[in-house]
N, C-alpha and C. Protein backbone atom coordinates (compact mmCIF):
# COMPACT_ATOMS: atom_id res chain seq x y z
N UNK A 1 -69.62 -30.91 63.87
CA UNK A 1 -68.68 -30.10 63.10
C UNK A 1 -69.13 -28.65 63.15
N UNK A 2 -68.18 -27.77 63.19
CA UNK A 2 -68.47 -26.34 63.27
C UNK A 2 -69.15 -25.86 61.99
N UNK A 3 -70.05 -24.91 62.15
CA UNK A 3 -70.77 -24.32 61.03
C UNK A 3 -70.00 -23.09 60.58
N UNK A 4 -69.44 -23.12 59.38
CA UNK A 4 -68.59 -22.03 58.90
C UNK A 4 -69.32 -21.11 57.93
N UNK A 5 -70.62 -21.27 57.78
CA UNK A 5 -71.34 -20.47 56.80
C UNK A 5 -71.31 -18.98 57.15
N UNK A 6 -71.40 -18.17 56.15
CA UNK A 6 -71.49 -16.72 56.30
C UNK A 6 -72.87 -16.32 55.81
N UNK A 7 -73.59 -15.57 56.63
CA UNK A 7 -74.91 -15.11 56.24
C UNK A 7 -74.77 -14.07 55.12
N UNK A 8 -75.72 -14.05 54.20
CA UNK A 8 -75.65 -13.06 53.12
C UNK A 8 -75.94 -11.65 53.62
N UNK A 9 -75.65 -10.69 52.80
CA UNK A 9 -75.96 -9.30 53.11
C UNK A 9 -74.74 -8.55 53.61
N UNK A 10 -74.93 -7.29 53.78
CA UNK A 10 -73.87 -6.40 54.19
C UNK A 10 -73.31 -6.76 55.57
N UNK A 11 -74.15 -7.23 56.49
CA UNK A 11 -73.73 -7.50 57.86
C UNK A 11 -73.72 -8.98 58.22
N UNK A 12 -73.90 -9.83 57.26
CA UNK A 12 -73.96 -11.26 57.52
C UNK A 12 -72.73 -11.82 58.21
N UNK A 13 -71.57 -11.23 57.94
CA UNK A 13 -70.34 -11.71 58.56
C UNK A 13 -70.34 -11.52 60.08
N UNK A 14 -71.23 -10.67 60.58
CA UNK A 14 -71.28 -10.41 62.02
C UNK A 14 -71.99 -11.52 62.79
N UNK A 15 -72.62 -12.43 62.09
CA UNK A 15 -73.27 -13.57 62.74
C UNK A 15 -72.26 -14.71 62.75
N UNK A 16 -71.74 -14.99 63.92
CA UNK A 16 -70.73 -16.02 64.07
C UNK A 16 -71.39 -17.28 64.63
N UNK A 17 -71.50 -18.31 63.81
CA UNK A 17 -72.08 -19.58 64.28
C UNK A 17 -71.08 -20.32 65.15
N UNK A 18 -71.60 -21.22 65.98
CA UNK A 18 -70.74 -22.00 66.87
C UNK A 18 -69.58 -22.56 66.09
N UNK A 19 -68.37 -22.34 66.60
CA UNK A 19 -67.21 -22.71 65.81
C UNK A 19 -66.10 -23.38 66.58
N UNK A 20 -66.13 -23.36 67.90
CA UNK A 20 -64.96 -23.85 68.62
C UNK A 20 -63.77 -23.02 68.20
N UNK A 21 -62.60 -23.43 68.53
CA UNK A 21 -61.38 -22.76 68.07
C UNK A 21 -60.76 -23.65 67.02
N UNK A 22 -60.64 -23.15 65.81
CA UNK A 22 -60.10 -23.92 64.69
C UNK A 22 -60.88 -25.21 64.49
N UNK A 23 -62.21 -25.14 64.70
CA UNK A 23 -63.06 -26.30 64.50
C UNK A 23 -63.09 -27.26 65.67
N UNK A 24 -62.30 -27.00 66.72
CA UNK A 24 -62.26 -27.88 67.89
C UNK A 24 -63.35 -27.47 68.86
N UNK A 25 -64.32 -28.34 69.08
CA UNK A 25 -65.42 -28.03 69.98
C UNK A 25 -65.26 -28.67 71.36
N UNK A 26 -64.14 -29.34 71.60
CA UNK A 26 -63.95 -30.05 72.86
C UNK A 26 -63.16 -29.22 73.87
N UNK A 27 -63.47 -29.41 75.14
CA UNK A 27 -62.74 -28.81 76.25
C UNK A 27 -62.92 -29.75 77.42
N UNK A 28 -61.97 -29.77 78.34
CA UNK A 28 -62.09 -30.66 79.49
C UNK A 28 -63.39 -30.47 80.24
N UNK A 29 -63.92 -29.23 80.27
CA UNK A 29 -65.14 -28.96 81.03
C UNK A 29 -66.42 -29.11 80.21
N UNK A 30 -66.34 -29.36 78.93
CA UNK A 30 -67.54 -29.52 78.12
C UNK A 30 -67.37 -28.94 76.74
N UNK A 31 -68.39 -29.10 75.92
CA UNK A 31 -68.33 -28.64 74.54
C UNK A 31 -68.33 -27.12 74.46
N UNK A 32 -67.37 -26.59 73.70
CA UNK A 32 -67.43 -25.17 73.39
C UNK A 32 -68.67 -24.90 72.55
N UNK A 33 -69.33 -23.82 72.83
CA UNK A 33 -70.40 -23.33 71.98
C UNK A 33 -69.82 -22.31 71.02
N UNK A 34 -68.92 -21.48 71.55
CA UNK A 34 -68.32 -20.44 70.73
C UNK A 34 -66.94 -20.08 71.27
N UNK A 35 -66.01 -19.89 70.37
CA UNK A 35 -64.71 -19.30 70.68
C UNK A 35 -64.51 -18.20 69.66
N UNK A 36 -64.20 -17.02 70.15
CA UNK A 36 -64.05 -15.88 69.24
C UNK A 36 -62.86 -15.05 69.69
N UNK A 37 -62.00 -14.71 68.76
CA UNK A 37 -60.93 -13.76 69.01
C UNK A 37 -60.67 -12.99 67.72
N UNK A 38 -59.62 -12.19 67.71
CA UNK A 38 -59.39 -11.34 66.54
C UNK A 38 -59.01 -12.14 65.30
N UNK A 39 -58.68 -13.43 65.43
CA UNK A 39 -58.43 -14.25 64.25
C UNK A 39 -59.72 -14.52 63.48
N UNK A 40 -60.84 -14.63 64.20
CA UNK A 40 -62.13 -14.86 63.55
C UNK A 40 -62.86 -13.56 63.22
N UNK A 41 -62.68 -12.54 64.05
CA UNK A 41 -63.43 -11.30 63.88
C UNK A 41 -62.51 -10.14 64.22
N UNK A 42 -62.07 -9.39 63.22
CA UNK A 42 -61.10 -8.32 63.48
C UNK A 42 -61.55 -7.39 64.61
N UNK A 43 -60.63 -7.05 65.46
CA UNK A 43 -60.77 -6.15 66.60
C UNK A 43 -61.50 -6.78 67.79
N UNK A 44 -61.91 -8.05 67.70
CA UNK A 44 -62.58 -8.70 68.83
C UNK A 44 -61.58 -9.05 69.91
N UNK A 45 -62.04 -9.06 71.15
CA UNK A 45 -61.26 -9.61 72.24
C UNK A 45 -61.47 -11.11 72.25
N UNK A 46 -60.95 -11.79 73.27
CA UNK A 46 -61.04 -13.25 73.36
C UNK A 46 -62.26 -13.62 74.21
N UNK A 47 -63.16 -14.41 73.62
CA UNK A 47 -64.39 -14.83 74.29
C UNK A 47 -64.59 -16.33 74.09
N UNK A 48 -65.08 -17.01 75.12
CA UNK A 48 -65.49 -18.40 74.95
C UNK A 48 -66.82 -18.60 75.69
N UNK A 49 -67.55 -19.59 75.22
CA UNK A 49 -68.76 -20.04 75.91
C UNK A 49 -68.83 -21.55 75.74
N UNK A 50 -69.15 -22.25 76.82
CA UNK A 50 -69.36 -23.68 76.68
C UNK A 50 -70.29 -24.22 77.76
N UNK A 51 -70.89 -25.34 77.40
CA UNK A 51 -71.71 -26.10 78.32
C UNK A 51 -70.79 -26.92 79.19
N UNK A 52 -71.15 -27.10 80.44
CA UNK A 52 -70.41 -27.97 81.33
C UNK A 52 -71.41 -28.92 81.97
N UNK A 53 -71.14 -30.20 81.87
CA UNK A 53 -72.06 -31.21 82.37
C UNK A 53 -71.32 -32.19 83.27
N UNK A 54 -72.07 -33.03 83.97
CA UNK A 54 -71.50 -33.96 84.95
C UNK A 54 -70.44 -34.87 84.34
N UNK A 55 -70.62 -35.27 83.10
CA UNK A 55 -69.65 -36.19 82.50
C UNK A 55 -68.37 -35.48 82.03
N UNK A 56 -68.36 -34.15 82.09
CA UNK A 56 -67.19 -33.38 81.69
C UNK A 56 -66.46 -32.90 82.93
N UNK A 57 -65.21 -33.25 83.03
CA UNK A 57 -64.42 -32.84 84.18
C UNK A 57 -62.95 -32.93 83.81
N UNK A 58 -62.14 -32.30 84.59
CA UNK A 58 -60.70 -32.44 84.38
C UNK A 58 -60.29 -33.85 84.74
N UNK A 59 -59.27 -34.36 84.06
CA UNK A 59 -58.85 -35.73 84.29
C UNK A 59 -58.42 -35.97 85.73
N UNK A 60 -57.81 -34.98 86.35
CA UNK A 60 -57.40 -35.13 87.74
C UNK A 60 -58.06 -34.05 88.58
N UNK A 61 -58.96 -34.46 89.45
CA UNK A 61 -59.73 -33.50 90.24
C UNK A 61 -58.88 -32.77 91.28
N UNK A 62 -57.64 -33.21 91.51
CA UNK A 62 -56.78 -32.51 92.45
C UNK A 62 -56.16 -31.25 91.83
N UNK A 63 -56.11 -31.20 90.51
CA UNK A 63 -55.41 -30.11 89.82
C UNK A 63 -56.39 -29.14 89.18
N UNK A 64 -57.33 -29.64 88.38
CA UNK A 64 -58.23 -28.76 87.65
C UNK A 64 -57.45 -27.86 86.70
N UNK A 65 -57.91 -26.63 86.55
CA UNK A 65 -57.21 -25.63 85.74
C UNK A 65 -56.23 -24.97 86.69
N UNK A 66 -54.92 -25.24 86.55
CA UNK A 66 -53.93 -24.79 87.54
C UNK A 66 -53.88 -23.28 87.72
N UNK A 67 -53.28 -22.81 88.82
CA UNK A 67 -53.18 -21.38 89.06
C UNK A 67 -52.38 -20.68 87.97
N UNK A 68 -52.84 -19.48 87.62
CA UNK A 68 -52.22 -18.71 86.54
C UNK A 68 -52.67 -17.26 86.67
N UNK A 69 -52.12 -16.41 85.85
CA UNK A 69 -52.57 -15.02 85.77
C UNK A 69 -52.59 -14.59 84.31
N UNK A 70 -53.28 -13.51 84.06
CA UNK A 70 -53.34 -12.90 82.74
C UNK A 70 -52.85 -11.46 82.87
N UNK A 71 -52.34 -10.92 81.78
CA UNK A 71 -51.97 -9.50 81.79
C UNK A 71 -53.21 -8.63 81.87
N UNK A 72 -54.29 -9.09 81.25
CA UNK A 72 -55.49 -8.27 81.09
C UNK A 72 -56.60 -8.72 82.04
N UNK A 73 -57.60 -7.88 82.16
CA UNK A 73 -58.80 -8.17 82.95
C UNK A 73 -59.54 -9.35 82.33
N UNK A 74 -60.07 -10.22 83.18
CA UNK A 74 -60.85 -11.37 82.72
C UNK A 74 -62.13 -11.47 83.54
N UNK A 75 -63.23 -11.79 82.86
CA UNK A 75 -64.51 -12.08 83.51
C UNK A 75 -64.88 -13.51 83.17
N UNK A 76 -65.36 -14.24 84.16
CA UNK A 76 -65.90 -15.57 83.93
C UNK A 76 -67.30 -15.58 84.54
N UNK A 77 -68.29 -15.85 83.69
CA UNK A 77 -69.67 -15.96 84.14
C UNK A 77 -70.02 -17.44 84.26
N UNK A 78 -70.52 -17.84 85.41
CA UNK A 78 -71.03 -19.19 85.64
C UNK A 78 -72.53 -19.07 85.80
N UNK A 79 -73.28 -19.71 84.90
CA UNK A 79 -74.73 -19.49 84.84
C UNK A 79 -75.47 -20.82 84.95
N UNK A 80 -76.34 -20.91 85.96
CA UNK A 80 -77.18 -22.09 86.12
C UNK A 80 -78.21 -22.17 85.00
N UNK A 81 -78.65 -23.38 84.70
CA UNK A 81 -79.55 -23.58 83.56
C UNK A 81 -80.96 -24.00 83.94
N UNK A 82 -81.29 -23.98 85.22
CA UNK A 82 -82.64 -24.33 85.65
C UNK A 82 -83.48 -23.05 85.65
N UNK A 83 -84.44 -22.91 84.72
CA UNK A 83 -85.22 -21.67 84.67
C UNK A 83 -86.07 -21.43 85.91
N UNK A 84 -86.39 -22.48 86.65
CA UNK A 84 -87.15 -22.33 87.89
C UNK A 84 -86.27 -21.83 89.04
N UNK A 85 -84.96 -22.06 88.94
CA UNK A 85 -84.00 -21.67 89.99
C UNK A 85 -82.74 -21.13 89.31
N UNK A 86 -82.83 -19.98 88.66
CA UNK A 86 -81.72 -19.48 87.85
C UNK A 86 -80.46 -19.12 88.64
N UNK A 87 -80.58 -18.91 89.95
CA UNK A 87 -79.41 -18.54 90.73
C UNK A 87 -78.67 -19.74 91.29
N UNK A 88 -79.27 -20.93 91.18
CA UNK A 88 -78.63 -22.17 91.62
C UNK A 88 -77.78 -22.69 90.46
N UNK A 89 -76.48 -22.75 90.65
CA UNK A 89 -75.58 -23.19 89.58
C UNK A 89 -75.80 -24.64 89.21
N UNK A 90 -76.24 -25.45 90.16
CA UNK A 90 -76.39 -26.89 89.87
C UNK A 90 -75.07 -27.61 89.94
N UNK A 91 -74.07 -26.97 90.55
CA UNK A 91 -72.73 -27.53 90.65
C UNK A 91 -72.03 -26.90 91.84
N UNK A 92 -70.96 -27.55 92.28
CA UNK A 92 -70.07 -26.99 93.29
C UNK A 92 -68.66 -27.02 92.72
N UNK A 93 -68.06 -25.84 92.65
CA UNK A 93 -66.73 -25.69 92.07
C UNK A 93 -65.80 -25.12 93.11
N UNK A 94 -64.58 -25.64 93.18
CA UNK A 94 -63.55 -25.04 94.00
C UNK A 94 -62.80 -24.03 93.14
N UNK A 95 -62.53 -22.87 93.72
CA UNK A 95 -61.83 -21.81 92.98
C UNK A 95 -60.95 -21.06 93.96
N UNK A 96 -59.73 -20.77 93.56
CA UNK A 96 -58.79 -20.06 94.42
C UNK A 96 -58.43 -18.72 93.81
N UNK A 97 -58.18 -17.75 94.68
CA UNK A 97 -57.80 -16.40 94.26
C UNK A 97 -56.56 -15.95 95.02
N UNK A 98 -55.68 -15.25 94.31
CA UNK A 98 -54.50 -14.66 94.92
C UNK A 98 -53.37 -15.65 95.11
N UNK A 99 -52.17 -15.08 95.34
CA UNK A 99 -51.01 -15.94 95.56
C UNK A 99 -51.16 -16.76 96.84
N UNK A 100 -52.09 -16.34 97.71
CA UNK A 100 -52.36 -17.10 98.94
C UNK A 100 -53.24 -18.30 98.66
N UNK A 101 -53.77 -18.39 97.45
CA UNK A 101 -54.68 -19.48 97.05
C UNK A 101 -55.90 -19.50 97.97
N UNK A 102 -56.49 -18.30 98.21
CA UNK A 102 -57.69 -18.19 99.04
C UNK A 102 -58.81 -19.00 98.40
N UNK A 103 -59.33 -19.95 99.15
CA UNK A 103 -60.31 -20.92 98.62
C UNK A 103 -61.74 -20.37 98.67
N UNK A 104 -62.48 -20.63 97.58
CA UNK A 104 -63.91 -20.30 97.51
C UNK A 104 -64.64 -21.49 96.90
N UNK A 105 -65.83 -21.78 97.42
CA UNK A 105 -66.70 -22.78 96.82
C UNK A 105 -67.83 -22.04 96.12
N UNK A 106 -67.97 -22.29 94.83
CA UNK A 106 -68.97 -21.61 94.01
C UNK A 106 -70.12 -22.57 93.75
N UNK A 107 -71.33 -22.17 94.12
CA UNK A 107 -72.50 -23.02 93.86
C UNK A 107 -73.71 -22.19 93.42
N UNK A 108 -73.49 -20.92 93.16
CA UNK A 108 -74.55 -20.01 92.69
C UNK A 108 -74.12 -19.37 91.37
N UNK A 109 -75.09 -18.98 90.57
CA UNK A 109 -74.79 -18.20 89.37
C UNK A 109 -73.98 -16.98 89.82
N UNK A 110 -72.87 -16.72 89.13
CA UNK A 110 -72.00 -15.62 89.56
C UNK A 110 -71.10 -15.15 88.41
N UNK A 111 -70.40 -14.07 88.69
CA UNK A 111 -69.39 -13.55 87.77
C UNK A 111 -68.09 -13.41 88.55
N UNK A 112 -67.03 -14.00 88.05
CA UNK A 112 -65.71 -13.87 88.64
C UNK A 112 -64.99 -12.73 87.94
N UNK A 113 -64.58 -11.72 88.69
CA UNK A 113 -63.92 -10.53 88.14
C UNK A 113 -62.46 -10.56 88.54
N UNK A 114 -61.57 -10.70 87.56
CA UNK A 114 -60.16 -10.84 87.86
C UNK A 114 -59.34 -9.80 87.11
N UNK A 115 -58.84 -8.80 87.85
CA UNK A 115 -57.99 -7.80 87.21
C UNK A 115 -56.70 -8.44 86.69
N UNK A 116 -56.10 -7.84 85.67
CA UNK A 116 -54.83 -8.32 85.18
C UNK A 116 -53.83 -8.41 86.31
N UNK A 117 -53.05 -9.50 86.33
CA UNK A 117 -52.04 -9.70 87.35
C UNK A 117 -52.52 -10.45 88.57
N UNK A 118 -53.84 -10.69 88.70
CA UNK A 118 -54.36 -11.45 89.84
C UNK A 118 -54.22 -12.95 89.56
N UNK A 119 -53.50 -13.65 90.40
CA UNK A 119 -53.38 -15.10 90.25
C UNK A 119 -54.72 -15.71 90.64
N UNK A 120 -55.18 -16.65 89.82
CA UNK A 120 -56.44 -17.35 90.11
C UNK A 120 -56.34 -18.78 89.61
N UNK A 121 -57.16 -19.66 90.15
CA UNK A 121 -57.09 -21.09 89.91
C UNK A 121 -56.30 -21.68 91.07
N UNK A 122 -56.42 -22.88 91.28
CA UNK A 122 -57.06 -23.91 90.47
C UNK A 122 -58.59 -23.74 90.44
N UNK A 123 -59.15 -24.19 89.33
CA UNK A 123 -60.59 -24.19 89.10
C UNK A 123 -60.98 -25.65 88.97
N UNK A 124 -61.70 -26.17 89.97
CA UNK A 124 -61.96 -27.61 90.03
C UNK A 124 -63.45 -27.88 90.24
N UNK A 125 -64.14 -28.47 89.25
CA UNK A 125 -65.52 -28.90 89.48
C UNK A 125 -65.52 -30.10 90.44
N UNK A 126 -66.22 -29.97 91.54
CA UNK A 126 -66.29 -31.06 92.53
C UNK A 126 -67.58 -31.85 92.39
N UNK A 127 -68.66 -31.17 92.02
CA UNK A 127 -69.97 -31.82 91.92
C UNK A 127 -70.75 -31.09 90.84
N UNK A 128 -71.25 -31.83 89.87
CA UNK A 128 -72.06 -31.23 88.81
C UNK A 128 -73.35 -32.03 88.72
N UNK A 129 -74.46 -31.41 89.15
CA UNK A 129 -75.76 -32.09 89.17
C UNK A 129 -76.56 -31.85 87.91
N UNK A 130 -76.27 -30.77 87.22
CA UNK A 130 -76.91 -30.49 85.93
C UNK A 130 -75.99 -29.54 85.17
N UNK A 131 -76.16 -29.47 83.86
CA UNK A 131 -75.28 -28.59 83.07
C UNK A 131 -75.38 -27.14 83.53
N UNK A 132 -74.27 -26.44 83.40
CA UNK A 132 -74.25 -25.00 83.59
C UNK A 132 -73.48 -24.40 82.42
N UNK A 133 -73.57 -23.11 82.27
CA UNK A 133 -72.91 -22.43 81.15
C UNK A 133 -71.77 -21.58 81.70
N UNK A 134 -70.64 -21.64 81.04
CA UNK A 134 -69.48 -20.85 81.42
C UNK A 134 -69.15 -19.92 80.25
N UNK A 135 -69.19 -18.61 80.49
CA UNK A 135 -68.76 -17.58 79.53
C UNK A 135 -67.48 -16.97 80.05
N UNK A 136 -66.50 -16.83 79.18
CA UNK A 136 -65.25 -16.18 79.56
C UNK A 136 -64.99 -15.00 78.64
N UNK A 137 -64.72 -13.86 79.24
CA UNK A 137 -64.41 -12.65 78.49
C UNK A 137 -63.03 -12.20 78.93
N UNK A 138 -62.12 -12.23 78.00
CA UNK A 138 -60.74 -11.86 78.26
C UNK A 138 -60.48 -10.55 77.52
N UNK A 139 -60.10 -9.51 78.24
CA UNK A 139 -59.98 -8.18 77.65
C UNK A 139 -58.69 -8.00 76.85
N UNK A 140 -58.47 -8.90 75.93
CA UNK A 140 -57.35 -8.84 74.99
C UNK A 140 -57.75 -9.61 73.75
N UNK A 141 -57.06 -9.39 72.67
CA UNK A 141 -57.43 -10.05 71.41
C UNK A 141 -57.05 -11.52 71.39
N UNK A 142 -56.08 -11.93 72.17
CA UNK A 142 -55.71 -13.34 72.31
C UNK A 142 -55.55 -13.65 73.79
N UNK A 143 -55.71 -14.90 74.12
CA UNK A 143 -55.57 -15.35 75.50
C UNK A 143 -54.10 -15.29 75.91
N UNK A 144 -53.85 -14.79 77.09
CA UNK A 144 -52.51 -14.83 77.67
C UNK A 144 -52.63 -15.48 79.04
N UNK A 145 -51.83 -16.48 79.29
CA UNK A 145 -51.82 -17.12 80.61
C UNK A 145 -50.38 -17.31 81.04
N UNK A 146 -50.08 -16.86 82.25
CA UNK A 146 -48.77 -17.11 82.83
C UNK A 146 -48.98 -18.06 84.00
N UNK A 147 -48.41 -19.26 83.92
CA UNK A 147 -48.68 -20.28 84.94
C UNK A 147 -48.00 -19.98 86.27
N UNK A 148 -48.63 -20.46 87.32
CA UNK A 148 -48.06 -20.36 88.67
C UNK A 148 -48.21 -21.69 89.38
N UNK A 149 -47.78 -22.75 88.74
CA UNK A 149 -47.89 -24.07 89.37
C UNK A 149 -46.98 -24.20 90.59
N UNK A 150 -46.04 -23.26 90.77
CA UNK A 150 -45.20 -23.29 91.97
C UNK A 150 -46.03 -23.10 93.24
N UNK A 151 -47.26 -22.63 93.11
CA UNK A 151 -48.14 -22.45 94.26
C UNK A 151 -48.80 -23.77 94.70
N UNK A 152 -48.68 -24.78 93.86
CA UNK A 152 -49.26 -26.08 94.18
C UNK A 152 -48.25 -26.94 94.90
N UNK A 153 -48.70 -27.79 95.84
CA UNK A 153 -47.77 -28.74 96.46
C UNK A 153 -47.17 -29.66 95.37
N UNK A 154 -45.97 -30.12 95.59
CA UNK A 154 -45.25 -30.93 94.60
C UNK A 154 -46.07 -32.14 94.13
N UNK A 155 -46.76 -32.82 95.06
CA UNK A 155 -47.53 -34.02 94.66
C UNK A 155 -48.71 -33.65 93.75
N UNK A 156 -49.28 -32.47 93.91
CA UNK A 156 -50.36 -32.02 93.02
C UNK A 156 -49.77 -31.54 91.70
N UNK A 157 -48.69 -30.79 91.76
CA UNK A 157 -48.03 -30.30 90.55
C UNK A 157 -47.65 -31.45 89.62
N UNK A 158 -47.25 -32.57 90.18
CA UNK A 158 -46.86 -33.73 89.38
C UNK A 158 -48.04 -34.33 88.62
N UNK A 159 -49.28 -33.98 89.01
CA UNK A 159 -50.47 -34.53 88.36
C UNK A 159 -51.01 -33.65 87.25
N UNK A 160 -50.38 -32.52 86.94
CA UNK A 160 -50.86 -31.65 85.86
C UNK A 160 -50.87 -32.45 84.57
N UNK A 161 -52.04 -32.52 83.93
CA UNK A 161 -52.25 -33.39 82.77
C UNK A 161 -51.36 -33.03 81.58
N UNK A 162 -51.29 -31.76 81.23
CA UNK A 162 -50.49 -31.32 80.08
C UNK A 162 -49.48 -30.28 80.53
N UNK A 163 -48.39 -30.69 81.19
CA UNK A 163 -47.44 -29.70 81.72
C UNK A 163 -46.83 -28.82 80.63
N UNK A 164 -46.78 -29.31 79.41
CA UNK A 164 -46.22 -28.50 78.32
C UNK A 164 -47.05 -27.26 78.05
N UNK A 165 -48.32 -27.26 78.43
CA UNK A 165 -49.17 -26.10 78.24
C UNK A 165 -49.01 -25.08 79.36
N UNK A 166 -48.30 -25.45 80.41
CA UNK A 166 -48.19 -24.60 81.59
C UNK A 166 -46.75 -24.16 81.81
N UNK A 167 -46.10 -23.71 80.73
CA UNK A 167 -44.75 -23.19 80.80
C UNK A 167 -44.80 -21.66 80.82
N UNK A 168 -43.86 -21.02 81.53
CA UNK A 168 -43.83 -19.55 81.54
C UNK A 168 -43.73 -18.98 80.12
N UNK A 169 -44.38 -17.85 79.92
CA UNK A 169 -44.38 -17.20 78.61
C UNK A 169 -43.72 -15.82 78.76
N UNK A 170 -43.19 -15.31 77.67
CA UNK A 170 -42.61 -13.97 77.65
C UNK A 170 -43.69 -12.98 77.25
N UNK A 171 -44.06 -12.09 78.15
CA UNK A 171 -45.12 -11.12 77.87
C UNK A 171 -44.61 -9.83 77.27
N UNK A 172 -43.30 -9.72 77.09
CA UNK A 172 -42.76 -8.46 76.54
C UNK A 172 -43.02 -8.31 75.06
């Protein structure tokens, strides 16, 4: 269960204990450690951090996190957890960039830099040998995602686990 305590003192509210989003600590890729946006901390952008382990994966490895874009800049840090080999992610992830769905295999600690409007995903863990940490920094106060499942072949698109979450949104 999320820890909702507030530390005493003038600045105690600035210490945000692991909370998930609305107390939800689960994600397809692993337990959230922290979810923070302007609902929890005024003027904050949208941030998440979670552990990802071998037993955590998307239900359908053909789809993963489907292609989408954000209005704002997004950073995703993938960090290996082996202190003897900090640059080895301990996993192999498929990741696509652009409307061309340019494929990349990620197996090293890295930072994905995605300007607003850049289509990215699917994000698919193919092999996870040990836990890694995923930090996401979204340069807006709330997450915005505009889906682009039209870039997926019809047979893959039909496998999207929660299609109701991948409907076009009005950004105006």
